[in-house]
């Protein structure tokens, strides 16, 4: 893994075999990014789990084969119950696209990720909305 932080931007290159969530937690913790916005991520993932949220919980599916990571977005909130919240779109060798909440995945070859630090005077987190039953973005 390699990364560089300048002012409020972090560029990350993850290497083959690294876990996406664990790597992002480690890097953000070391560089003091308590809250951030994951703008983009590209590369290849294998052994990843996607979820689709319903009121009864997530419907999850494991994909073992390598898929090309087309888009990765999300938030970093290290003090929250879910510190790394990711959504991804990925394509198979057959050009079939899948997407959803990314619960975990292993880098194949490499991943390139861009994160912007959210200024310290802004707080973001997630709180349960009893009407929608979703953990929604909370901003203070």
Foldseek 3Di string as FASTA:
>chain_A
DDWDDDDFKIKDKDFFFDKPVVVVLVVCVVVVQQKKKWFWKWAKWAQWKFWDADLVGTDIDTGGDIWTWPTKIFMAHNVAPDRTWIKTWTADPVRDIDIHTIPMTGGHGIMIIMMGRDDPVKDWYFDQDPVRRDGDIDID
